[in-house]
């Protein structure tokens, strides 16, 4: 189900990646990008006069935050993939018990 074993090498099917992992990555990233947007708005409205807020609201920091969120979403998806591989029972037919 999660991969094809050929000659001892496991390869992941592209359809599994498209159906399970990419939607999870983008869903996780969209949630955390929304949280980042809310934090930036809060800082901009409530702390607009402070020097720390002006340093926080730069384009470079926004780009770093977006890249960080995307990398974190990929890492979470990879960890989920590994967890599913470890917990998914084998799909081989089991012999009937006597």
PDB file of N, CA and C in Angstrom:
ATOM      1  N   UNK A   1       0.816  -1.191   0.000  1.00  0.00           N
ATOM      2  CA  UNK A   1       0.000   0.000   0.000  1.00  0.00           C
ATOM      3  C   UNK A   1       0.861   1.256   0.000  1.00  0.00           C
ATOM      4  N   UNK A   2       1.928   1.282   0.792  1.00  0.00           N
ATOM      5  CA  UNK A   2       2.739   2.495   0.907  1.00  0.00           C
ATOM      6  C   UNK A   2       3.941   2.486  -0.013  1.00  0.00           C
ATOM      7  N   UNK A   3       4.274   1.376  -0.558  1.00  0.00           N
ATOM      8  CA  UNK A   3       5.436   1.336  -1.436  1.00  0.00           C
ATOM      9  C   UNK A   3       5.505   0.010  -2.158  1.00  0.00           C
ATOM     10  N   UNK A   4       6.386  -0.072  -3.104  1.00  0.00           N
ATOM     11  CA  UNK A   4       6.583  -1.291  -3.877  1.00  0.00           C
ATOM     12  C   UNK A   4       7.976  -1.796  -3.558  1.00  0.00           C
ATOM     13  N   UNK A   5       8.084  -3.045  -3.131  1.00  0.00           N
ATOM     14  CA  UNK A   5       9.401  -3.623  -2.833  1.00  0.00           C
ATOM     15  C   UNK A   5       9.878  -4.394  -4.056  1.00  0.00           C
ATOM     16  N   UNK A   6      10.996  -3.947  -4.576  1.00  0.00           N
ATOM     17  CA  UNK A   6      11.612  -4.639  -5.691  1.00  0.00           C
ATOM     18  C   UNK A   6      13.095  -4.777  -5.386  1.00  0.00           C
ATOM     19  N   UNK A   7      13.554  -5.994  -5.352  1.00  0.00           N
ATOM     20  CA  UNK A   7      14.967  -6.277  -5.105  1.00  0.00           C
ATOM     21  C   UNK A   7      15.467  -5.618  -3.829  1.00  0.00           C
ATOM     22  N   UNK A   8      14.648  -5.608  -2.794  1.00  0.00           N
ATOM     23  CA  UNK A   8      15.070  -5.088  -1.505  1.00  0.00           C
ATOM     24  C   UNK A   8      15.017  -3.584  -1.372  1.00  0.00           C
ATOM     25  N   UNK A   9      14.550  -2.877  -2.411  1.00  0.00           N
ATOM     26  CA  UNK A   9      14.486  -1.422  -2.358  1.00  0.00           C
ATOM     27  C   UNK A   9      13.025  -1.013  -2.340  1.00  0.00           C
ATOM     28  N   UNK A  10      12.658  -0.149  -1.396  1.00  0.00           N
ATOM     29  CA  UNK A  10      11.288   0.327  -1.302  1.00  0.00           C
ATOM     30  C   UNK A  10      11.167   1.661  -2.018  1.00  0.00           C
ATOM     31  N   UNK A  11      10.227   1.750  -2.944  1.00  0.00           N
ATOM     32  CA  UNK A  11       9.991   3.015  -3.644  1.00  0.00           C
ATOM     33  C   UNK A  11       8.551   3.452  -3.388  1.00  0.00           C
ATOM     34  N   UNK A  12       8.360   4.718  -3.163  1.00  0.00           N
ATOM     35  CA  UNK A  12       7.039   5.246  -2.866  1.00  0.00           C
ATOM     36  C   UNK A  12       6.310   5.517  -4.172  1.00  0.00           C
ATOM     37  N   UNK A  13       5.046   5.135  -4.214  1.00  0.00           N
ATOM     38  CA  UNK A  13       4.246   5.379  -5.398  1.00  0.00           C
ATOM     39  C   UNK A  13       3.906   6.862  -5.501  1.00  0.00           C
ATOM     40  N   UNK A  14       3.944   7.419  -6.706  1.00  0.00           N
ATOM     41  CA  UNK A  14       3.596   8.842  -6.855  1.00  0.00           C
ATOM     42  C   UNK A  14       2.161   9.139  -6.452  1.00  0.00           C
ATOM     43  N   UNK A  15       1.244   8.213  -6.685  1.00  0.00           N
ATOM     44  CA  UNK A  15      -0.154   8.477  -6.331  1.00  0.00           C
ATOM     45  C   UNK A  15      -0.330   8.608  -4.824  1.00  0.00           C
ATOM     46  N   UNK A  16       0.450   7.862  -4.040  1.00  0.00           N
ATOM     47  CA  UNK A  16       0.378   7.978  -2.585  1.00  0.00           C
ATOM     48  C   UNK A  16       0.846   9.356  -2.165  1.00  0.00           C
ATOM     49  N   UNK A  17       1.912   9.825  -2.780  1.00  0.00           N
ATOM     50  CA  UNK A  17       2.430  11.158  -2.464  1.00  0.00           C
ATOM     51  C   UNK A  17       1.392  12.221  -2.808  1.00  0.00           C
ATOM     52  N   UNK A  18       0.770  12.103  -3.959  1.00  0.00           N
ATOM     53  CA  UNK A  18      -0.199  13.106  -4.383  1.00  0.00           C
ATOM     54  C   UNK A  18      -1.469  13.075  -3.545  1.00  0.00           C
ATOM     55  N   UNK A  19      -1.900  11.894  -3.140  1.00  0.00           N
ATOM     56  CA  UNK A  19      -3.159  11.786  -2.401  1.00  0.00           C
ATOM     57  C   UNK A  19      -3.007  12.022  -0.909  1.00  0.00           C
ATOM     58  N   UNK A  20      -1.883  11.665  -0.314  1.00  0.00           N
ATOM     59  CA  UNK A  20      -1.745  11.750   1.132  1.00  0.00           C
ATOM     60  C   UNK A  20      -0.835  12.874   1.607  1.00  0.00           C
ATOM     61  N   UNK A  21       0.320  13.005   1.022  1.00  0.00           N
ATOM     62  CA  UNK A  21       1.334  13.886   1.594  1.00  0.00           C
ATOM     63  C   UNK A  21       1.214  15.339   1.140  1.00  0.00           C
ATOM     64  N   UNK A  22       1.022  15.585  -0.141  1.00  0.00           N
ATOM     65  CA  UNK A  22       0.922  16.972  -0.602  1.00  0.00           C
ATOM     66  C   UNK A  22      -0.261  17.715   0.014  1.00  0.00           C
ATOM     67  N   UNK A  23      -1.463  17.135   0.069  1.00  0.00           N
ATOM     68  CA  UNK A  23      -2.550  17.857   0.727  1.00  0.00           C
ATOM     69  C   UNK A  23      -2.264  18.134   2.206  1.00  0.00           C
ATOM     70  N   UNK A  24      -1.616  17.202   2.876  1.00  0.00           N
ATOM     71  CA  UNK A  24      -1.276  17.409   4.282  1.00  0.00           C
ATOM     72  C   UNK A  24      -0.271  18.538   4.445  1.00  0.00           C
ATOM     73  N   UNK A  25       0.727  18.575   3.568  1.00  0.00           N
ATOM     74  CA  UNK A  25       1.735  19.633   3.640  1.00  0.00           C
ATOM     75  C   UNK A  25       1.081  20.996   3.445  1.00  0.00           C
ATOM     76  N   UNK A  26       0.265  21.141   2.409  1.00  0.00           N
ATOM     77  CA  UNK A  26      -0.335  22.439   2.127  1.00  0.00           C
ATOM     78  C   UNK A  26      -1.393  22.822   3.158  1.00  0.00           C
ATOM     79  N   UNK A  27      -2.108  21.853   3.692  1.00  0.00           N
ATOM     80  CA  UNK A  27      -3.098  22.149   4.731  1.00  0.00           C
ATOM     81  C   UNK A  27      -2.405  22.638   6.001  1.00  0.00           C
ATOM     82  N   UNK A  28      -1.364  21.953   6.421  1.00  0.00           N
ATOM     83  CA  UNK A  28      -0.612  22.367   7.604  1.00  0.00           C
ATOM     84  C   UNK A  28       0.006  23.745   7.400  1.00  0.00           C
ATOM     85  N   UNK A  29       0.589  23.970   6.235  1.00  0.00           N
ATOM     86  CA  UNK A  29       1.208  25.268   5.948  1.00  0.00           C
ATOM     87  C   UNK A  29       0.175  26.384   5.936  1.00  0.00           C
ATOM     88  N   UNK A  30      -0.995  26.142   5.369  1.00  0.00           N
ATOM     89  CA  UNK A  30      -2.003  27.204   5.312  1.00  0.00           C
ATOM     90  C   UNK A  30      -2.496  27.578   6.704  1.00  0.00           C
ATOM     91  N   UNK A  31      -2.623  26.609   7.586  1.00  0.00           N
ATOM     92  CA  UNK A  31      -3.041  26.902   8.951  1.00  0.00           C
ATOM     93  C   UNK A  31      -2.004  27.764   9.658  1.00  0.00           C
ATOM     94  N   UNK A  32      -0.741  27.382   9.569  1.00  0.00           N
ATOM     95  CA  UNK A  32       0.304  28.123  10.274  1.00  0.00           C
ATOM     96  C   UNK A  32       0.595  29.471   9.629  1.00  0.00           C
ATOM     97  N   UNK A  33       0.397  29.604   8.323  1.00  0.00           N
ATOM     98  CA  UNK A  33       0.531  30.908   7.696  1.00  0.00           C
ATOM     99  C   UNK A  33      -0.583  31.846   8.157  1.00  0.00           C
ATOM    100  N   UNK A  34      -1.770  31.310   8.388  1.00  0.00           N
ATOM    101  CA  UNK A  34      -2.863  32.115   8.933  1.00  0.00           C
ATOM    102  C   UNK A  34      -2.530  32.581  10.340  1.00  0.00           C
ATOM    103  N   UNK A  35      -1.941  31.715  11.137  1.00  0.00           N
ATOM    104  CA  UNK A  35      -1.528  32.098  12.489  1.00  0.00           C
ATOM    105  C   UNK A  35      -0.455  33.193  12.419  1.00  0.00           C
ATOM    106  N   UNK A  36       0.512  33.044  11.520  1.00  0.00           N
ATOM    107  CA  UNK A  36       1.537  34.083  11.363  1.00  0.00           C
ATOM    108  C   UNK A  36       0.930  35.418  10.945  1.00  0.00           C
ATOM    109  N   UNK A  37      -0.025  35.383  10.061  1.00  0.00           N
ATOM    110  CA  UNK A  37      -0.699  36.609   9.636  1.00  0.00           C
ATOM    111  C   UNK A  37      -1.413  37.271  10.809  1.00  0.00           C
ATOM    112  N   UNK A  38      -2.085  36.480  11.630  1.00  0.00           N
ATOM    113  CA  UNK A  38      -2.771  37.031  12.795  1.00  0.00           C
ATOM    114  C   UNK A  38      -1.789  37.656  13.784  1.00  0.00           C
ATOM    115  N   UNK A  39      -0.659  37.008  14.000  1.00  0.00           N
ATOM    116  CA  UNK A  39       0.355  37.561  14.913  1.00  0.00           C
ATOM    117  C   UNK A  39       0.916  38.861  14.356  1.00  0.00           C
ATOM    118  N   UNK A  40       1.188  38.887  13.051  1.00  0.00           N
ATOM    119  CA  UNK A  40       1.721  40.106  12.448  1.00  0.00           C
ATOM    120  C   UNK A  40       0.706  41.249  12.543  1.00  0.00           C
ATOM    121  N   UNK A  41      -0.554  40.970  12.337  1.00  0.00           N
ATOM    122  CA  UNK A  41      -1.587  42.003  12.471  1.00  0.00           C
ATOM    123  C   UNK A  41      -1.683  42.492  13.908  1.00  0.00           C
ATOM    124  N   UNK A  42      -1.626  41.577  14.848  1.00  0.00           N
ATOM    125  CA  UNK A  42      -1.678  41.964  16.258  1.00  0.00           C
ATOM    126  C   UNK A  42      -0.523  42.895  16.608  1.00  0.00           C
ATOM    127  N   UNK A  43       0.676  42.515  16.202  1.00  0.00           N
ATOM    128  CA  UNK A  43       1.848  43.345  16.485  1.00  0.00           C
ATOM    129  C   UNK A  43       1.719  44.697  15.787  1.00  0.00           C
ATOM    130  N   UNK A  44       1.241  44.695  14.554  1.00  0.00           N
ATOM    131  CA  UNK A  44       1.109  45.945  13.804  1.00  0.00           C
ATOM    132  C   UNK A  44       0.090  46.888  14.434  1.00  0.00           C
ATOM    133  N   UNK A  45      -1.004  46.360  14.947  1.00  0.00           N
ATOM    134  CA  UNK A  45      -2.060  47.209  15.500  1.00  0.00           C
ATOM    135  C   UNK A  45      -1.766  47.595  16.946  1.00  0.00           C
ATOM    136  N   UNK A  46      -1.398  46.642  17.757  1.00  0.00           N
ATOM    137  CA  UNK A  46      -1.270  46.896  19.197  1.00  0.00           C
ATOM    138  C   UNK A  46       0.091  47.449  19.601  1.00  0.00           C
ATOM    139  N   UNK A  47       1.108  47.179  18.833  1.00  0.00           N
ATOM    140  CA  UNK A  47       2.460  47.612  19.202  1.00  0.00           C
ATOM    141  C   UNK A  47       3.124  48.361  18.044  1.00  0.00           C
ATOM    142  N   UNK A  48       2.372  49.198  17.380  1.00  0.00           N
ATOM    143  CA  UNK A  48       2.870  49.842  16.161  1.00  0.00           C
ATOM    144  C   UNK A  48       3.974  50.862  16.412  1.00  0.00           C
ATOM    145  N   UNK A  49       4.065  51.384  17.629  1.00  0.00           N
ATOM    146  CA  UNK A  49       5.055  52.436  17.882  1.00  0.00           C
ATOM    147  C   UNK A  49       6.386  51.905  18.402  1.00  0.00           C
ATOM    148  N   UNK A  50       6.456  50.661  18.785  1.00  0.00           N
ATOM    149  CA  UNK A  50       7.702  50.158  19.372  1.00  0.00           C
ATOM    150  C   UNK A  50       8.729  49.824  18.284  1.00  0.00           C
ATOM    151  N   UNK A  51       9.988  49.932  18.654  1.00  0.00           N
ATOM    152  CA  UNK A  51      11.074  49.638  17.718  1.00  0.00           C
ATOM    153  C   UNK A  51      11.123  48.152  17.377  1.00  0.00           C
ATOM    154  N   UNK A  52      10.798  47.301  18.353  1.00  0.00           N
ATOM    155  CA  UNK A  52      10.795  45.854  18.101  1.00  0.00           C
ATOM    156  C   UNK A  52       9.736  45.489  17.065  1.00  0.00           C
ATOM    157  N   UNK A  53       8.591  46.146  17.108  1.00  0.00           N
ATOM    158  CA  UNK A  53       7.548  45.869  16.124  1.00  0.00           C
ATOM    159  C   UNK A  53       7.989  46.286  14.729  1.00  0.00           C
ATOM    160  N   UNK A  54       8.681  47.408  14.622  1.00  0.00           N
ATOM    161  CA  UNK A  54       9.168  47.845  13.306  1.00  0.00           C
ATOM    162  C   UNK A  54      10.216  46.880  12.759  1.00  0.00           C
ATOM    163  N   UNK A  55      11.048  46.326  13.626  1.00  0.00           N
ATOM    164  CA  UNK A  55      12.033  45.331  13.172  1.00  0.00           C
ATOM    165  C   UNK A  55      11.353  44.023  12.791  1.00  0.00           C
ATOM    166  N   UNK A  56      10.258  43.691  13.476  1.00  0.00           N
ATOM    167  CA  UNK A  56       9.543  42.441  13.223  1.00  0.00           C
ATOM    168  C   UNK A  56       8.818  42.484  11.883  1.00  0.00           C
ATOM    169  N   UNK A  57       8.332  43.641  11.469  1.00  0.00           N
ATOM    170  CA  UNK A  57       7.494  43.776  10.271  1.00  0.00           C
ATOM    171  C   UNK A  57       8.315  44.113   9.040  1.00  0.00           C
ATOM    172  N   UNK A  58       9.278  43.317   8.723  1.00  0.00           N
ATOM    173  CA  UNK A  58      10.062  43.530   7.511  1.00  0.00           C
ATOM    174  C   UNK A  58       9.774  42.422   6.502  1.00  0.00           C
ATOM    175  N   UNK A  59      10.058  42.706   5.256  1.00  0.00           N
ATOM    176  CA  UNK A  59       9.839  41.716   4.199  1.00  0.00           C
ATOM    177  C   UNK A  59      10.763  40.515   4.403  1.00  0.00           C
ATOM    178  N   UNK A  60      11.990  40.762   4.815  1.00  0.00           N
ATOM    179  CA  UNK A  60      12.924  39.650   5.043  1.00  0.00           C
ATOM    180  C   UNK A  60      12.413  38.704   6.122  1.00  0.00           C
ATOM    181  N   UNK A  61      11.888  39.257   7.208  1.00  0.00           N
ATOM    182  CA  UNK A  61      11.345  38.399   8.273  1.00  0.00           C
ATOM    183  C   UNK A  61      10.114  37.640   7.801  1.00  0.00           C
ATOM    184  N   UNK A  62       9.291  38.268   6.974  1.00  0.00           N
ATOM    185  CA  UNK A  62       8.110  37.579   6.440  1.00  0.00           C
ATOM    186  C   UNK A  62       8.528  36.406   5.549  1.00  0.00           C
ATOM    187  N   UNK A  63       9.531  36.631   4.711  1.00  0.00           N
ATOM    188  CA  UNK A  63      10.014  35.549   3.828  1.00  0.00           C
ATOM    189  C   UNK A  63      10.610  34.420   4.661  1.00  0.00           C
ATOM    190  N   UNK A  64      11.391  34.766   5.677  1.00  0.00           N
ATOM    191  CA  UNK A  64      11.954  33.733   6.561  1.00  0.00           C
ATOM    192  C   UNK A  64      10.857  32.932   7.253  1.00  0.00           C
ATOM    193  N   UNK A  65       9.822  33.614   7.710  1.00  0.00           N
ATOM    194  CA  UNK A  65       8.724  32.924   8.387  1.00  0.00           C
ATOM    195  C   UNK A  65       7.984  31.993   7.433  1.00  0.00           C
ATOM    196  N   UNK A  66       7.750  32.436   6.212  1.00  0.00           N
ATOM    197  CA  UNK A  66       7.058  31.590   5.236  1.00  0.00           C
ATOM    198  C   UNK A  66       7.900  30.363   4.899  1.00  0.00           C
ATOM    199  N   UNK A  67       9.177  30.555   4.689  1.00  0.00           N
ATOM    200  CA  UNK A  67      10.063  29.412   4.405  1.00  0.00           C
ATOM    201  C   UNK A  67      10.105  28.465   5.599  1.00  0.00           C
ATOM    202  N   UNK A  68      10.174  29.024   6.801  1.00  0.00           N
ATOM    203  CA  UNK A  68      10.172  28.184   8.003  1.00  0.00           C
ATOM    204  C   UNK A  68       8.900  27.374   8.147  1.00  0.00           C
ATOM    205  N   UNK A  69       7.763  27.998   7.857  1.00  0.00           N
ATOM    206  CA  UNK A  69       6.483  27.280   7.944  1.00  0.00           C
ATOM    207  C   UNK A  69       6.433  26.160   6.905  1.00  0.00           C
ATOM    208  N   UNK A  70       6.870  26.427   5.693  1.00  0.00           N
ATOM    209  CA  UNK A  70       6.836  25.386   4.659  1.00  0.00           C
ATOM    210  C   UNK A  70       7.770  24.225   5.002  1.00  0.00           C
ATOM    211  N   UNK A  71       8.958  24.537   5.508  1.00  0.00           N
ATOM    212  CA  UNK A  71       9.876  23.464   5.917  1.00  0.00           C
ATOM    213  C   UNK A  71       9.302  22.655   7.073  1.00  0.00           C
ATOM    214  N   UNK A  72       8.687  23.332   8.030  1.00  0.00           N
ATOM    215  CA  UNK A  72       8.077  22.622   9.158  1.00  0.00           C
ATOM    216  C   UNK A  72       6.929  21.736   8.687  1.00  0.00           C
ATOM    217  N   UNK A  73       6.137  22.201   7.725  1.00  0.00           N
ATOM    218  CA  UNK A  73       5.035  21.392   7.200  1.00  0.00           C
ATOM    219  C   UNK A  73       5.559  20.145   6.503  1.00  0.00           C
ATOM    220  N   UNK A  74       6.655  20.284   5.757  1.00  0.00           N
ATOM    221  CA  UNK A  74       7.259  19.120   5.100  1.00  0.00           C
ATOM    222  C   UNK A  74       7.798  18.140   6.142  1.00  0.00           C
ATOM    223  N   UNK A  75       8.439  18.665   7.183  1.00  0.00           N
ATOM    224  CA  UNK A  75       8.982  17.795   8.241  1.00  0.00           C
ATOM    225  C   UNK A  75       7.859  17.032   8.951  1.00  0.00           C
ATOM    226  N   UNK A  76       6.762  17.718   9.252  1.00  0.00           N
ATOM    227  CA  UNK A  76       5.629  17.058   9.910  1.00  0.00           C
ATOM    228  C   UNK A  76       5.075  15.958   9.008  1.00  0.00           C
ATOM    229  N   UNK A  77       4.994  16.231   7.718  1.00  0.00           N
ATOM    230  CA  UNK A  77       4.484  15.218   6.791  1.00  0.00           C
ATOM    231  C   UNK A  77       5.422  14.023   6.703  1.00  0.00           C
ATOM    232  N   UNK A  78       6.728  14.271   6.699  1.00  0.00           N
ATOM    233  CA  UNK A  78       7.680  13.158   6.663  1.00  0.00           C
ATOM    234  C   UNK A  78       7.594  12.316   7.932  1.00  0.00           C
ATOM    235  N   UNK A  79       7.445  12.972   9.075  1.00  0.00           N
ATOM    236  CA  UNK A  79       7.293  12.227  10.326  1.00  0.00           C
ATOM    237  C   UNK A  79       6.007  11.408  10.316  1.00  0.00           C
ATOM    238  N   UNK A  80       4.940  11.982   9.767  1.00  0.00           N
ATOM    239  CA  UNK A  80       3.667  11.256   9.669  1.00  0.00           C
ATOM    240  C   UNK A  80       3.817  10.055   8.741  1.00  0.00           C
ATOM    241  N   UNK A  81       4.538  10.239   7.649  1.00  0.00           N
ATOM    242  CA  UNK A  81       4.772   9.141   6.710  1.00  0.00           C
ATOM    243  C   UNK A  81       5.524   8.005   7.386  1.00  0.00           C
ATOM    244  N   UNK A  82       6.556   8.341   8.137  1.00  0.00           N
ATOM    245  CA  UNK A  82       7.333   7.321   8.847  1.00  0.00           C
ATOM    246  C   UNK A  82       6.477   6.617   9.891  1.00  0.00           C
ATOM    247  N   UNK A  83       5.643   7.389  10.600  1.00  0.00           N
ATOM    248  CA  UNK A  83       4.776   6.797  11.615  1.00  0.00           C
ATOM    249  C   UNK A  83       3.777   5.844  10.967  1.00  0.00           C
ATOM    250  N   UNK A  84       3.222   6.223   9.808  1.00  0.00           N
ATOM    251  CA  UNK A  84       2.267   5.345   9.127  1.00  0.00           C
ATOM    252  C   UNK A  84       2.949   4.066   8.651  1.00  0.00           C
ATOM    253  N   UNK A  85       4.185   4.176   8.186  1.00  0.00           N
ATOM    254  CA  UNK A  85       4.900   2.970   7.746  1.00  0.00           C
ATOM    255  C   UNK A  85       5.156   2.030   8.912  1.00  0.00           C
ATOM    256  N   UNK A  86       5.438   2.601  10.084  1.00  0.00           N
ATOM    257  CA  UNK A  86       5.721   1.767  11.249  1.00  0.00           C
ATOM    258  C   UNK A  86       4.474   1.128  11.837  1.00  0.00           C
ATOM    259  N   UNK A  87       3.327   1.766  11.684  1.00  0.00           N
ATOM    260  CA  UNK A  87       2.112   1.266  12.333  1.00  0.00           C
ATOM    261  C   UNK A  87       1.160   0.541  11.394  1.00  0.00           C
ATOM    262  N   UNK A  88       1.380   0.603  10.086  1.00  0.00           N
ATOM    263  CA  UNK A  88       0.499  -0.068   9.141  1.00  0.00           C
ATOM    264  C   UNK A  88       0.847  -1.552   9.093  1.00  0.00           C
ATOM    265  N   UNK A  89      -0.139  -2.410   9.358  1.00  0.00           N
ATOM    266  CA  UNK A  89       0.147  -3.851   9.288  1.00  0.00           C
ATOM    267  C   UNK A  89       0.427  -4.284   7.852  1.00  0.00           C
ATOM    268  N   UNK A  90       1.104  -5.369   7.744  1.00  0.00           N
ATOM    269  CA  UNK A  90       1.446  -5.908   6.435  1.00  0.00           C
ATOM    270  C   UNK A  90       0.180  -6.264   5.673  1.00  0.00           C
ATOM    271  N   UNK A  91       0.216  -6.069   4.370  1.00  0.00           N
ATOM    272  CA  UNK A  91      -0.941  -6.374   3.543  1.00  0.00           C
ATOM    273  C   UNK A  91      -0.905  -7.795   2.990  1.00  0.00           C
ATOM    274  N   UNK A  92       0.092  -8.572   3.411  1.00  0.00           N
ATOM    275  CA  UNK A  92       0.165  -9.955   2.959  1.00  0.00           C
ATOM    276  C   UNK A  92      -0.964 -10.758   3.610  1.00  0.00           C
ATOM    277  N   UNK A  93      -1.557 -11.698   2.855  1.00  0.00           N
ATOM    278  CA  UNK A  93      -2.605 -12.518   3.459  1.00  0.00           C
ATOM    279  C   UNK A  93      -2.039 -13.387   4.585  1.00  0.00           C
ATOM    280  N   UNK A  94      -2.725 -13.413   5.672  1.00  0.00           N
ATOM    281  CA  UNK A  94      -2.316 -14.198   6.811  1.00  0.00           C
ATOM    282  C   UNK A  94      -2.883 -15.618   6.707  1.00  0.00           C
ATOM    283  N   UNK A  95      -2.090 -16.608   7.084  1.00  0.00           N
ATOM    284  CA  UNK A  95      -2.627 -17.979   7.037  1.00  0.00           C
ATOM    285  C   UNK A  95      -3.741 -18.126   8.083  1.00  0.00           C
ATOM    286  N   UNK A  96      -4.722 -18.945   7.773  1.00  0.00           N
ATOM    287  CA  UNK A  96      -5.803 -19.130   8.731  1.00  0.00           C
ATOM    288  C   UNK A  96      -5.292 -19.789  10.010  1.00  0.00           C
ATOM    289  N   UNK A  97      -5.811 -19.330  11.108  1.00  0.00           N
ATOM    290  CA  UNK A  97      -5.401 -19.923  12.380  1.00  0.00           C
ATOM    291  C   UNK A  97      -6.162 -21.225  12.612  1.00  0.00           C
ATOM    292  N   UNK A  98      -5.505 -22.221  13.212  1.00  0.00           N
ATOM    293  CA  UNK A  98      -6.163 -23.533  13.402  1.00  0.00           C
ATOM    294  C   UNK A  98      -7.186 -23.503  14.508  1.00  0.00           C
TER     295      UNK A  98
END
